[in-house]
Amino acid sequence: MSLGQPNPNNSEDPNFEQQLAEVEQSLLQLKERYTQIQQDRERQSELLHQQEQLKKQSRLQRDHTFKTQLKQIQEQLESIELNLESSLFSWGSLKEPFWQAVRFTGAGIVVGWILKSLVG
C-alpha cells in the first residue's frame, strides 16, 4: 500500500469524517453570518439615509411624527450596531484560546514549582 492512498481499515477515518462534517457546518454558519452582516450593513445605510432625510424635513416642519420616526430609526440602528458588533466576538471563537491559556498557565506553574524545588 502506498503512502498517499487511504487505508480502509484505518480507525481514524470516522474521526476525519466527523471533523470534516464539523468544518462544513462551521463554513455554513460563517456563510450565514456573512450574509446577515451584509444585510445589516445595507439596512444600516438605508436607515442612516432615512434619518438624514427626516432630520432635514423636521427642521422645516415641527411635527411630532418626524420625532417618532427618528426615534424608531435610532432604535433600529442601535439594534443593527449590536448585531454587527457581535460578529466580532463570540464565545466559540474565544473558547479554544481560553483553554489553551489555562492549560499552558497550569503547566507553567507546575514546571515552576519543580524547578524551584530542584534549585531551592
PDB file of N, CA and C in Angstrom:
ATOM      1  N   MET A   1       0.859  -1.186   0.000  1.00  0.00           N
ATOM      2  CA  MET A   1       0.000   0.000   0.000  1.00  0.00           C
ATOM      3  C   MET A   1       0.893   1.233   0.000  1.00  0.00           C
ATOM      4  N   SER A   2       0.589   2.229  -0.819  1.00  0.00           N
ATOM      5  CA  SER A   2       1.410   3.434  -0.880  1.00  0.00           C
ATOM      6  C   SER A   2       0.977   4.430   0.187  1.00  0.00           C
ATOM      7  N   LEU A   3       1.825   5.425   0.395  1.00  0.00           N
ATOM      8  CA  LEU A   3       1.573   6.421   1.446  1.00  0.00           C
ATOM      9  C   LEU A   3       0.391   7.328   1.130  1.00  0.00           C
ATOM     10  N   GLY A   4       0.140   7.621  -0.122  1.00  0.00           N
ATOM     11  CA  GLY A   4      -0.896   8.568  -0.490  1.00  0.00           C
ATOM     12  C   GLY A   4      -2.300   7.994  -0.499  1.00  0.00           C
ATOM     13  N   GLN A   5      -2.439   6.673  -0.436  1.00  0.00           N
ATOM     14  CA  GLN A   5      -3.752   6.054  -0.504  1.00  0.00           C
ATOM     15  C   GLN A   5      -4.297   5.802   0.889  1.00  0.00           C
ATOM     16  N   PRO A   6      -5.587   6.053   1.099  1.00  0.00           N
ATOM     17  CA  PRO A   6      -6.176   5.823   2.419  1.00  0.00           C
ATOM     18  C   PRO A   6      -6.290   4.338   2.712  1.00  0.00           C
ATOM     19  N   ASN A   7      -6.157   4.011   3.961  1.00  0.00           N
ATOM     20  CA  ASN A   7      -6.295   2.638   4.425  1.00  0.00           C
ATOM     21  C   ASN A   7      -7.747   2.416   4.835  1.00  0.00           C
ATOM     22  N   PRO A   8      -8.468   1.472   4.220  1.00  0.00           N
ATOM     23  CA  PRO A   8      -9.878   1.283   4.575  1.00  0.00           C
ATOM     24  C   PRO A   8     -10.041   0.753   5.996  1.00  0.00           C
ATOM     25  N   ASN A   9      -9.004   0.155   6.574  1.00  0.00           N
ATOM     26  CA  ASN A   9      -9.076  -0.358   7.938  1.00  0.00           C
ATOM     27  C   ASN A   9      -8.594   0.663   8.959  1.00  0.00           C
ATOM     28  N   ASN A  10      -8.304   1.850   8.527  1.00  0.00           N
ATOM     29  CA  ASN A  10      -7.770   2.883   9.410  1.00  0.00           C
ATOM     30  C   ASN A  10      -8.853   3.340  10.385  1.00  0.00           C
ATOM     31  N   SER A  11      -8.522   3.386  11.656  1.00  0.00           N
ATOM     32  CA  SER A  11      -9.504   3.772  12.674  1.00  0.00           C
ATOM     33  C   SER A  11      -9.713   5.280  12.735  1.00  0.00           C
ATOM     34  N   GLU A  12      -8.894   6.046  12.029  1.00  0.00           N
ATOM     35  CA  GLU A  12      -9.026   7.500  12.056  1.00  0.00           C
ATOM     36  C   GLU A  12     -10.044   8.021  11.048  1.00  0.00           C
ATOM     37  N   ASP A  13     -10.501   7.198  10.110  1.00  0.00           N
ATOM     38  CA  ASP A  13     -11.454   7.641   9.096  1.00  0.00           C
ATOM     39  C   ASP A  13     -12.742   8.193   9.702  1.00  0.00           C
ATOM     40  N   PRO A  14     -13.382   7.546  10.683  1.00  0.00           N
ATOM     41  CA  PRO A  14     -14.594   8.140  11.270  1.00  0.00           C
ATOM     42  C   PRO A  14     -14.299   9.475  11.952  1.00  0.00           C
ATOM     43  N   ASN A  15     -13.148   9.570  12.577  1.00  0.00           N
ATOM     44  CA  ASN A  15     -12.768  10.823  13.215  1.00  0.00           C
ATOM     45  C   ASN A  15     -12.588  11.924  12.170  1.00  0.00           C
ATOM     46  N   PHE A  16     -11.947  11.570  11.051  1.00  0.00           N
ATOM     47  CA  PHE A  16     -11.758  12.529   9.971  1.00  0.00           C
ATOM     48  C   PHE A  16     -13.097  12.973   9.409  1.00  0.00           C
ATOM     49  N   GLU A  17     -14.005  12.017   9.206  1.00  0.00           N
ATOM     50  CA  GLU A  17     -15.322  12.348   8.671  1.00  0.00           C
ATOM     51  C   GLU A  17     -16.085  13.260   9.629  1.00  0.00           C
ATOM     52  N   GLN A  18     -15.947  13.012  10.916  1.00  0.00           N
ATOM     53  CA  GLN A  18     -16.612  13.866  11.905  1.00  0.00           C
ATOM     54  C   GLN A  18     -16.024  15.274  11.870  1.00  0.00           C
ATOM     55  N   GLN A  19     -14.711  15.359  11.797  1.00  0.00           N
ATOM     56  CA  GLN A  19     -14.059  16.663  11.730  1.00  0.00           C
ATOM     57  C   GLN A  19     -14.433  17.394  10.449  1.00  0.00           C
ATOM     58  N   LEU A  20     -14.511  16.660   9.355  1.00  0.00           N
ATOM     59  CA  LEU A  20     -14.907  17.265   8.087  1.00  0.00           C
ATOM     60  C   LEU A  20     -16.337  17.801   8.165  1.00  0.00           C
ATOM     61  N   ALA A  21     -17.222  17.039   8.790  1.00  0.00           N
ATOM     62  CA  ALA A  21     -18.606  17.494   8.959  1.00  0.00           C
ATOM     63  C   ALA A  21     -18.658  18.751   9.828  1.00  0.00           C
ATOM     64  N   GLU A  22     -17.825  18.808  10.860  1.00  0.00           N
ATOM     65  CA  GLU A  22     -17.781  19.992  11.722  1.00  0.00           C
ATOM     66  C   GLU A  22     -17.273  21.202  10.958  1.00  0.00           C
ATOM     67  N   VAL A  23     -16.270  20.991  10.113  1.00  0.00           N
ATOM     68  CA  VAL A  23     -15.741  22.091   9.295  1.00  0.00           C
ATOM     69  C   VAL A  23     -16.800  22.582   8.317  1.00  0.00           C
ATOM     70  N   GLU A  24     -17.518  21.655   7.694  1.00  0.00           N
ATOM     71  CA  GLU A  24     -18.588  22.041   6.769  1.00  0.00           C
ATOM     72  C   GLU A  24     -19.676  22.827   7.489  1.00  0.00           C
ATOM     73  N   GLN A  25     -20.030  22.372   8.692  1.00  0.00           N
ATOM     74  CA  GLN A  25     -21.050  23.074   9.480  1.00  0.00           C
ATOM     75  C   GLN A  25     -20.563  24.478   9.850  1.00  0.00           C
ATOM     76  N   SER A  26     -19.302  24.571  10.237  1.00  0.00           N
ATOM     77  CA  SER A  26     -18.733  25.883  10.572  1.00  0.00           C
ATOM     78  C   SER A  26     -18.727  26.805   9.365  1.00  0.00           C
ATOM     79  N   LEU A  27     -18.421  26.249   8.205  1.00  0.00           N
ATOM     80  CA  LEU A  27     -18.424  27.045   6.976  1.00  0.00           C
ATOM     81  C   LEU A  27     -19.824  27.552   6.654  1.00  0.00           C
ATOM     82  N   LEU A  28     -20.818  26.694   6.811  1.00  0.00           N
ATOM     83  CA  LEU A  28     -22.202  27.122   6.571  1.00  0.00           C
ATOM     84  C   LEU A  28     -22.603  28.240   7.540  1.00  0.00           C
ATOM     85  N   GLN A  29     -22.229  28.081   8.808  1.00  0.00           N
ATOM     86  CA  GLN A  29     -22.545  29.112   9.793  1.00  0.00           C
ATOM     87  C   GLN A  29     -21.837  30.418   9.456  1.00  0.00           C
ATOM     88  N   LEU A  30     -20.597  30.326   8.998  1.00  0.00           N
ATOM     89  CA  LEU A  30     -19.846  31.519   8.608  1.00  0.00           C
ATOM     90  C   LEU A  30     -20.501  32.209   7.415  1.00  0.00           C
ATOM     91  N   LYS A  31     -20.946  31.426   6.441  1.00  0.00           N
ATOM     92  CA  LYS A  31     -21.628  31.998   5.275  1.00  0.00           C
ATOM     93  C   LYS A  31     -22.922  32.696   5.683  1.00  0.00           C
ATOM     94  N   GLU A  32     -23.683  32.058   6.574  1.00  0.00           N
ATOM     95  CA  GLU A  32     -24.934  32.657   7.045  1.00  0.00           C
ATOM     96  C   GLU A  32     -24.654  33.962   7.786  1.00  0.00           C
ATOM     97  N   ARG A  33     -23.630  33.946   8.619  1.00  0.00           N
ATOM     98  CA  ARG A  33     -23.279  35.147   9.386  1.00  0.00           C
ATOM     99  C   ARG A  33     -22.818  36.263   8.456  1.00  0.00           C
ATOM    100  N   TYR A  34     -22.037  35.905   7.425  1.00  0.00           N
ATOM    101  CA  TYR A  34     -21.572  36.887   6.459  1.00  0.00           C
ATOM    102  C   TYR A  34     -22.749  37.520   5.715  1.00  0.00           C
ATOM    103  N   THR A  35     -23.714  36.701   5.325  1.00  0.00           N
ATOM    104  CA  THR A  35     -24.912  37.209   4.648  1.00  0.00           C
ATOM    105  C   THR A  35     -25.686  38.141   5.568  1.00  0.00           C
ATOM    106  N   GLN A  36     -25.823  37.738   6.836  1.00  0.00           N
ATOM    107  CA  GLN A  36     -26.530  38.578   7.796  1.00  0.00           C
ATOM    108  C   GLN A  36     -25.814  39.917   7.989  1.00  0.00           C
ATOM    109  N   ILE A  37     -24.503  39.897   8.061  1.00  0.00           N
ATOM    110  CA  ILE A  37     -23.732  41.132   8.237  1.00  0.00           C
ATOM    111  C   ILE A  37     -23.927  42.034   7.027  1.00  0.00           C
ATOM    112  N   GLN A  38     -23.888  41.467   5.823  1.00  0.00           N
ATOM    113  CA  GLN A  38     -24.106  42.272   4.614  1.00  0.00           C
ATOM    114  C   GLN A  38     -25.491  42.910   4.633  1.00  0.00           C
ATOM    115  N   GLN A  39     -26.505  42.130   4.990  1.00  0.00           N
ATOM    116  CA  GLN A  39     -27.864  42.666   5.041  1.00  0.00           C
ATOM    117  C   GLN A  39     -27.986  43.753   6.101  1.00  0.00           C
ATOM    118  N   ASP A  40     -27.362  43.533   7.259  1.00  0.00           N
ATOM    119  CA  ASP A  40     -27.411  44.533   8.325  1.00  0.00           C
ATOM    120  C   ASP A  40     -26.720  45.829   7.905  1.00  0.00           C
ATOM    121  N   ARG A  41     -25.609  45.719   7.215  1.00  0.00           N
ATOM    122  CA  ARG A  41     -24.899  46.926   6.758  1.00  0.00           C
ATOM    123  C   ARG A  41     -25.718  47.691   5.727  1.00  0.00           C
ATOM    124  N   GLU A  42     -26.374  46.955   4.821  1.00  0.00           N
ATOM    125  CA  GLU A  42     -27.232  47.614   3.836  1.00  0.00           C
ATOM    126  C   GLU A  42     -28.397  48.313   4.526  1.00  0.00           C
ATOM    127  N   ARG A  43     -29.001  47.620   5.480  1.00  0.00           N
ATOM    128  CA  ARG A  43     -30.135  48.194   6.222  1.00  0.00           C
ATOM    129  C   ARG A  43     -29.670  49.402   7.023  1.00  0.00           C
ATOM    130  N   GLN A  44     -28.499  49.319   7.607  1.00  0.00           N
ATOM    131  CA  GLN A  44     -27.951  50.434   8.371  1.00  0.00           C
ATOM    132  C   GLN A  44     -27.761  51.651   7.465  1.00  0.00           C
ATOM    133  N   SER A  45     -27.234  51.419   6.278  1.00  0.00           N
ATOM    134  CA  SER A  45     -27.042  52.511   5.323  1.00  0.00           C
ATOM    135  C   SER A  45     -28.377  53.145   4.941  1.00  0.00           C
ATOM    136  N   GLU A  46     -29.377  52.305   4.690  1.00  0.00           N
ATOM    137  CA  GLU A  46     -30.710  52.814   4.345  1.00  0.00           C
ATOM    138  C   GLU A  46     -31.293  53.645   5.492  1.00  0.00           C
ATOM    139  N   LEU A  47     -31.149  53.135   6.706  1.00  0.00           N
ATOM    140  CA  LEU A  47     -31.698  53.843   7.872  1.00  0.00           C
ATOM    141  C   LEU A  47     -30.982  55.160   8.115  1.00  0.00           C
ATOM    142  N   LEU A  48     -29.683  55.172   7.925  1.00  0.00           N
ATOM    143  CA  LEU A  48     -28.941  56.430   8.097  1.00  0.00           C
ATOM    144  C   LEU A  48     -29.391  57.462   7.068  1.00  0.00           C
ATOM    145  N   HIS A  49     -29.626  57.009   5.849  1.00  0.00           N
ATOM    146  CA  HIS A  49     -30.111  57.913   4.806  1.00  0.00           C
ATOM    147  C   HIS A  49     -31.501  58.441   5.168  1.00  0.00           C
ATOM    148  N   GLN A  50     -32.367  57.537   5.613  1.00  0.00           N
ATOM    149  CA  GLN A  50     -33.715  57.938   6.034  1.00  0.00           C
ATOM    150  C   GLN A  50     -33.644  58.940   7.184  1.00  0.00           C
ATOM    151  N   GLN A  51     -32.759  58.666   8.111  1.00  0.00           N
ATOM    152  CA  GLN A  51     -32.609  59.533   9.275  1.00  0.00           C
ATOM    153  C   GLN A  51     -32.203  60.948   8.846  1.00  0.00           C
ATOM    154  N   GLU A  52     -31.261  61.034   7.929  1.00  0.00           N
ATOM    155  CA  GLU A  52     -30.832  62.341   7.439  1.00  0.00           C
ATOM    156  C   GLU A  52     -31.967  63.081   6.741  1.00  0.00           C
ATOM    157  N   GLN A  53     -32.752  62.347   5.932  1.00  0.00           N
ATOM    158  CA  GLN A  53     -33.874  62.966   5.243  1.00  0.00           C
ATOM    159  C   GLN A  53     -34.906  63.495   6.241  1.00  0.00           C
ATOM    160  N   LEU A  54     -35.178  62.685   7.274  1.00  0.00           N
ATOM    161  CA  LEU A  54     -36.159  63.117   8.278  1.00  0.00           C
ATOM    162  C   LEU A  54     -35.645  64.314   9.082  1.00  0.00           C
ATOM    163  N   LYS A  55     -34.368  64.339   9.346  1.00  0.00           N
ATOM    164  CA  LYS A  55     -33.809  65.487  10.077  1.00  0.00           C
ATOM    165  C   LYS A  55     -33.952  66.769   9.260  1.00  0.00           C
ATOM    166  N   LYS A  56     -33.700  66.653   7.951  1.00  0.00           N
ATOM    167  CA  LYS A  56     -33.859  67.815   7.089  1.00  0.00           C
ATOM    168  C   LYS A  56     -35.310  68.281   7.063  1.00  0.00           C
ATOM    169  N   GLN A  57     -36.232  67.335   6.969  1.00  0.00           N
ATOM    170  CA  GLN A  57     -37.649  67.677   6.945  1.00  0.00           C
ATOM    171  C   GLN A  57     -38.110  68.229   8.287  1.00  0.00           C
ATOM    172  N   SER A  58     -37.589  67.678   9.360  1.00  0.00           N
ATOM    173  CA  SER A  58     -38.034  68.125  10.679  1.00  0.00           C
ATOM    174  C   SER A  58     -37.558  69.537  10.992  1.00  0.00           C
ATOM    175  N   ARG A  59     -36.469  69.962  10.360  1.00  0.00           N
ATOM    176  CA  ARG A  59     -36.011  71.344  10.547  1.00  0.00           C
ATOM    177  C   ARG A  59     -36.987  72.331   9.914  1.00  0.00           C
ATOM    178  N   LEU A  60     -37.573  71.900   8.817  1.00  0.00           N
ATOM    179  CA  LEU A  60     -38.511  72.763   8.124  1.00  0.00           C
ATOM    180  C   LEU A  60     -39.886  72.756   8.786  1.00  0.00           C
ATOM    181  N   GLN A  61     -40.273  71.610   9.311  1.00  0.00           N
ATOM    182  CA  GLN A  61     -41.590  71.483   9.925  1.00  0.00           C
ATOM    183  C   GLN A  61     -41.417  70.914  11.330  1.00  0.00           C
ATOM    184  N   ARG A  62     -42.086  71.507  12.265  1.00  0.00           N
ATOM    185  CA  ARG A  62     -42.046  70.990  13.640  1.00  0.00           C
ATOM    186  C   ARG A  62     -43.239  70.070  13.839  1.00  0.00           C
ATOM    187  N   ASP A  63     -43.022  68.801  13.550  1.00  0.00           N
ATOM    188  CA  ASP A  63     -44.111  67.834  13.616  1.00  0.00           C
ATOM    189  C   ASP A  63     -43.696  66.674  14.516  1.00  0.00           C
ATOM    190  N   HIS A  64     -44.623  66.192  15.304  1.00  0.00           N
ATOM    191  CA  HIS A  64     -44.355  65.109  16.251  1.00  0.00           C
ATOM    192  C   HIS A  64     -44.077  63.781  15.536  1.00  0.00           C
ATOM    193  N   THR A  65     -44.683  63.589  14.370  1.00  0.00           N
ATOM    194  CA  THR A  65     -44.485  62.314  13.654  1.00  0.00           C
ATOM    195  C   THR A  65     -43.034  62.143  13.207  1.00  0.00           C
ATOM    196  N   PHE A  66     -42.361  63.235  12.866  1.00  0.00           N
ATOM    197  CA  PHE A  66     -40.955  63.150  12.475  1.00  0.00           C
ATOM    198  C   PHE A  66     -40.092  62.692  13.650  1.00  0.00           C
ATOM    199  N   LYS A  67     -40.395  63.226  14.812  1.00  0.00           N
ATOM    200  CA  LYS A  67     -39.623  62.836  16.001  1.00  0.00           C
ATOM    201  C   LYS A  67     -39.845  61.359  16.328  1.00  0.00           C
ATOM    202  N   THR A  68     -41.067  60.898  16.166  1.00  0.00           N
ATOM    203  CA  THR A  68     -41.363  59.486  16.425  1.00  0.00           C
ATOM    204  C   THR A  68     -40.635  58.593  15.427  1.00  0.00           C
ATOM    205  N   GLN A  69     -40.670  58.994  14.160  1.00  0.00           N
ATOM    206  CA  GLN A  69     -39.967  58.218  13.140  1.00  0.00           C
ATOM    207  C   GLN A  69     -38.463  58.216  13.392  1.00  0.00           C
ATOM    208  N   LEU A  70     -37.918  59.361  13.780  1.00  0.00           N
ATOM    209  CA  LEU A  70     -36.488  59.442  14.081  1.00  0.00           C
ATOM    210  C   LEU A  70     -36.117  58.528  15.249  1.00  0.00           C
ATOM    211  N   LYS A  71     -36.972  58.485  16.249  1.00  0.00           N
ATOM    212  CA  LYS A  71     -36.718  57.635  17.406  1.00  0.00           C
ATOM    213  C   LYS A  71     -36.733  56.158  16.994  1.00  0.00           C
ATOM    214  N   GLN A  72     -37.696  55.772  16.158  1.00  0.00           N
ATOM    215  CA  GLN A  72     -37.769  54.390  15.690  1.00  0.00           C
ATOM    216  C   GLN A  72     -36.534  54.027  14.870  1.00  0.00           C
ATOM    217  N   ILE A  73     -36.114  54.927  14.011  1.00  0.00           N
ATOM    218  CA  ILE A  73     -34.922  54.674  13.202  1.00  0.00           C
ATOM    219  C   ILE A  73     -33.694  54.531  14.091  1.00  0.00           C
ATOM    220  N   GLN A  74     -33.584  55.397  15.094  1.00  0.00           N
ATOM    221  CA  GLN A  74     -32.450  55.322  16.010  1.00  0.00           C
ATOM    222  C   GLN A  74     -32.423  53.982  16.753  1.00  0.00           C
ATOM    223  N   GLU A  75     -33.581  53.496  17.184  1.00  0.00           N
ATOM    224  CA  GLU A  75     -33.656  52.201  17.870  1.00  0.00           C
ATOM    225  C   GLU A  75     -33.239  51.066  16.935  1.00  0.00           C
ATOM    226  N   GLN A  76     -33.683  51.126  15.682  1.00  0.00           N
ATOM    227  CA  GLN A  76     -33.300  50.093  14.717  1.00  0.00           C
ATOM    228  C   GLN A  76     -31.799  50.136  14.445  1.00  0.00           C
ATOM    229  N   LEU A  77     -31.243  51.339  14.357  1.00  0.00           N
ATOM    230  CA  LEU A  77     -29.802  51.475  14.136  1.00  0.00           C
ATOM    231  C   LEU A  77     -29.008  50.886  15.304  1.00  0.00           C
ATOM    232  N   GLU A  78     -29.471  51.138  16.520  1.00  0.00           N
ATOM    233  CA  GLU A  78     -28.782  50.585  17.691  1.00  0.00           C
ATOM    234  C   GLU A  78     -28.824  49.064  17.677  1.00  0.00           C
ATOM    235  N   SER A  79     -29.960  48.513  17.286  1.00  0.00           N
ATOM    236  CA  SER A  79     -30.091  47.057  17.206  1.00  0.00           C
ATOM    237  C   SER A  79     -29.144  46.481  16.151  1.00  0.00           C
ATOM    238  N   ILE A  80     -29.074  47.122  15.007  1.00  0.00           N
ATOM    239  CA  ILE A  80     -28.183  46.669  13.941  1.00  0.00           C
ATOM    240  C   ILE A  80     -26.725  46.778  14.379  1.00  0.00           C
ATOM    241  N   GLU A  81     -26.372  47.872  15.064  1.00  0.00           N
ATOM    242  CA  GLU A  81     -24.999  48.037  15.534  1.00  0.00           C
ATOM    243  C   GLU A  81     -24.623  46.930  16.511  1.00  0.00           C
ATOM    244  N   LEU A  82     -25.566  46.544  17.374  1.00  0.00           N
ATOM    245  CA  LEU A  82     -25.304  45.429  18.288  1.00  0.00           C
ATOM    246  C   LEU A  82     -25.064  44.132  17.519  1.00  0.00           C
ATOM    247  N   ASN A  83     -25.868  43.882  16.498  1.00  0.00           N
ATOM    248  CA  ASN A  83     -25.687  42.680  15.683  1.00  0.00           C
ATOM    249  C   ASN A  83     -24.336  42.684  14.986  1.00  0.00           C
ATOM    250  N   LEU A  84     -23.947  43.846  14.471  1.00  0.00           N
ATOM    251  CA  LEU A  84     -22.662  43.930  13.779  1.00  0.00           C
ATOM    252  C   LEU A  84     -21.495  43.780  14.754  1.00  0.00           C
ATOM    253  N   GLU A  85     -21.614  44.355  15.941  1.00  0.00           N
ATOM    254  CA  GLU A  85     -20.547  44.220  16.934  1.00  0.00           C
ATOM    255  C   GLU A  85     -20.423  42.779  17.402  1.00  0.00           C
ATOM    256  N   SER A  86     -21.540  42.089  17.499  1.00  0.00           N
ATOM    257  CA  SER A  86     -21.481  40.706  17.963  1.00  0.00           C
ATOM    258  C   SER A  86     -20.798  39.814  16.944  1.00  0.00           C
ATOM    259  N   SER A  87     -20.637  40.293  15.723  1.00  0.00           N
ATOM    260  CA  SER A  87     -19.940  39.489  14.725  1.00  0.00           C
ATOM    261  C   SER A  87     -18.447  39.448  14.987  1.00  0.00           C
ATOM    262  N   LEU A  88     -17.953  40.365  15.801  1.00  0.00           N
ATOM    263  CA  LEU A  88     -16.530  40.392  16.075  1.00  0.00           C
ATOM    264  C   LEU A  88     -16.117  39.357  17.107  1.00  0.00           C
ATOM    265  N   PHE A  89     -16.903  39.193  18.153  1.00  0.00           N
ATOM    266  CA  PHE A  89     -16.541  38.294  19.226  1.00  0.00           C
ATOM    267  C   PHE A  89     -17.683  37.348  19.543  1.00  0.00           C
ATOM    268  N   SER A  90     -17.313  36.120  19.786  1.00  0.00           N
ATOM    269  CA  SER A  90     -18.273  35.145  20.274  1.00  0.00           C
ATOM    270  C   SER A  90     -17.519  34.163  21.144  1.00  0.00           C
ATOM    271  N   TRP A  91     -18.225  33.509  22.047  1.00  0.00           N
ATOM    272  CA  TRP A  91     -17.576  32.550  22.935  1.00  0.00           C
ATOM    273  C   TRP A  91     -16.923  31.437  22.129  1.00  0.00           C
ATOM    274  N   GLY A  92     -17.547  31.022  21.048  1.00  0.00           N
ATOM    275  CA  GLY A  92     -16.993  29.950  20.227  1.00  0.00           C
ATOM    276  C   GLY A  92     -15.616  30.296  19.682  1.00  0.00           C
ATOM    277  N   SER A  93     -15.418  31.558  19.300  1.00  0.00           N
ATOM    278  CA  SER A  93     -14.120  31.949  18.753  1.00  0.00           C
ATOM    279  C   SER A  93     -13.076  32.129  19.846  1.00  0.00           C
ATOM    280  N   LEU A  94     -13.512  32.342  21.082  1.00  0.00           N
ATOM    281  CA  LEU A  94     -12.573  32.538  22.184  1.00  0.00           C
ATOM    282  C   LEU A  94     -12.364  31.280  23.017  1.00  0.00           C
ATOM    283  N   LYS A  95     -13.175  30.260  22.788  1.00  0.00           N
ATOM    284  CA  LYS A  95     -13.141  29.066  23.627  1.00  0.00           C
ATOM    285  C   LYS A  95     -11.790  28.362  23.559  1.00  0.00           C
ATOM    286  N   GLU A  96     -11.310  28.082  22.358  1.00  0.00           N
ATOM    287  CA  GLU A  96     -10.058  27.338  22.226  1.00  0.00           C
ATOM    288  C   GLU A  96      -8.859  28.119  22.766  1.00  0.00           C
ATOM    289  N   PRO A  97      -8.669  29.404  22.422  1.00  0.00           N
ATOM    290  CA  PRO A  97      -7.531  30.135  23.008  1.00  0.00           C
ATOM    291  C   PRO A  97      -7.623  30.224  24.535  1.00  0.00           C
ATOM    292  N   PHE A  98      -8.840  30.329  25.061  1.00  0.00           N
ATOM    293  CA  PHE A  98      -9.005  30.397  26.514  1.00  0.00           C
ATOM    294  C   PHE A  98      -8.488  29.123  27.175  1.00  0.00           C
ATOM    295  N   TRP A  99      -8.911  27.967  26.653  1.00  0.00           N
ATOM    296  CA  TRP A  99      -8.495  26.701  27.273  1.00  0.00           C
ATOM    297  C   TRP A  99      -7.023  26.429  27.052  1.00  0.00           C
ATOM    298  N   GLN A 100      -6.462  26.896  25.951  1.00  0.00           N
ATOM    299  CA  GLN A 100      -5.014  26.753  25.753  1.00  0.00           C
ATOM    300  C   GLN A 100      -4.259  27.587  26.776  1.00  0.00           C
ATOM    301  N   ALA A 101      -4.733  28.794  27.031  1.00  0.00           N
ATOM    302  CA  ALA A 101      -4.087  29.642  28.033  1.00  0.00           C
ATOM    303  C   ALA A 101      -4.173  29.013  29.418  1.00  0.00           C
ATOM    304  N   VAL A 102      -5.337  28.452  29.748  1.00  0.00           N
ATOM    305  CA  VAL A 102      -5.490  27.789  31.050  1.00  0.00           C
ATOM    306  C   VAL A 102      -4.534  26.604  31.152  1.00  0.00           C
ATOM    307  N   ARG A 103      -4.484  25.802  30.107  1.00  0.00           N
ATOM    308  CA  ARG A 103      -3.632  24.607  30.119  1.00  0.00           C
ATOM    309  C   ARG A 103      -2.157  24.978  30.249  1.00  0.00           C
ATOM    310  N   PHE A 104      -1.685  25.929  29.441  1.00  0.00           N
ATOM    311  CA  PHE A 104      -0.270  26.271  29.469  1.00  0.00           C
ATOM    312  C   PHE A 104       0.115  27.062  30.714  1.00  0.00           C
ATOM    313  N   THR A 105      -0.804  27.834  31.250  1.00  0.00           N
ATOM    314  CA  THR A 105      -0.529  28.515  32.516  1.00  0.00           C
ATOM    315  C   THR A 105      -0.371  27.493  33.624  1.00  0.00           C
ATOM    316  N   GLY A 106      -1.261  26.503  33.648  1.00  0.00           N
ATOM    317  CA  GLY A 106      -1.158  25.435  34.643  1.00  0.00           C
ATOM    318  C   GLY A 106       0.137  24.663  34.495  1.00  0.00           C
ATOM    319  N   ALA A 107       0.507  24.349  33.253  1.00  0.00           N
ATOM    320  CA  ALA A 107       1.767  23.634  33.010  1.00  0.00           C
ATOM    321  C   ALA A 107       2.951  24.484  33.437  1.00  0.00           C
ATOM    322  N   GLY A 108       2.886  25.781  33.204  1.00  0.00           N
ATOM    323  CA  GLY A 108       3.968  26.684  33.605  1.00  0.00           C
ATOM    324  C   GLY A 108       4.132  26.738  35.109  1.00  0.00           C
ATOM    325  N   ILE A 109       3.016  26.742  35.811  1.00  0.00           N
ATOM    326  CA  ILE A 109       3.073  26.759  37.282  1.00  0.00           C
ATOM    327  C   ILE A 109       3.709  25.467  37.798  1.00  0.00           C
ATOM    328  N   VAL A 110       3.309  24.336  37.240  1.00  0.00           N
ATOM    329  CA  VAL A 110       3.865  23.047  37.669  1.00  0.00           C
ATOM    330  C   VAL A 110       5.369  22.998  37.390  1.00  0.00           C
ATOM    331  N   VAL A 111       5.786  23.405  36.204  1.00  0.00           N
ATOM    332  CA  VAL A 111       7.211  23.413  35.867  1.00  0.00           C
ATOM    333  C   VAL A 111       7.961  24.364  36.799  1.00  0.00           C
ATOM    334  N   GLY A 112       7.370  25.499  37.103  1.00  0.00           N
ATOM    335  CA  GLY A 112       7.996  26.448  38.028  1.00  0.00           C
ATOM    336  C   GLY A 112       8.182  25.848  39.409  1.00  0.00           C
ATOM    337  N   TRP A 113       7.190  25.149  39.923  1.00  0.00           N
ATOM    338  CA  TRP A 113       7.310  24.502  41.243  1.00  0.00           C
ATOM    339  C   TRP A 113       8.419  23.450  41.233  1.00  0.00           C
ATOM    340  N   ILE A 114       8.471  22.676  40.138  1.00  0.00           N
ATOM    341  CA  ILE A 114       9.501  21.644  40.043  1.00  0.00           C
ATOM    342  C   ILE A 114      10.883  22.283  40.032  1.00  0.00           C
ATOM    343  N   LEU A 115      11.064  23.303  39.207  1.00  0.00           N
ATOM    344  CA  LEU A 115      12.367  23.983  39.132  1.00  0.00           C
ATOM    345  C   LEU A 115      12.727  24.613  40.472  1.00  0.00           C
ATOM    346  N   LYS A 116      11.758  25.210  41.136  1.00  0.00           N
ATOM    347  CA  LYS A 116      12.018  25.841  42.430  1.00  0.00           C
ATOM    348  C   LYS A 116      12.444  24.797  43.468  1.00  0.00           C
ATOM    349  N   SER A 117      11.762  23.639  43.443  1.00  0.00           N
ATOM    350  CA  SER A 117      12.116  22.585  44.404  1.00  0.00           C
ATOM    351  C   SER A 117      13.492  21.989  44.108  1.00  0.00           C
ATOM    352  N   LEU A 118      13.888  21.937  42.840  1.00  0.00           N
ATOM    353  CA  LEU A 118      15.219  21.442  42.475  1.00  0.00           C
ATOM    354  C   LEU A 118      16.315  22.427  42.863  1.00  0.00           C
ATOM    355  N   VAL A 119      16.052  23.722  42.673  1.00  0.00           N
ATOM    356  CA  VAL A 119      17.033  24.753  42.964  1.00  0.00           C
ATOM    357  C   VAL A 119      17.087  25.038  44.463  1.00  0.00           C
ATOM    358  N   GLY A 120      15.940  25.135  45.086  1.00  0.00           N
ATOM    359  CA  GLY A 120      15.865  25.557  46.476  1.00  0.00           C
ATOM    360  C   GLY A 120      15.910  24.423  47.399  1.00  0.00           C
TER     361      GLY A 120
END
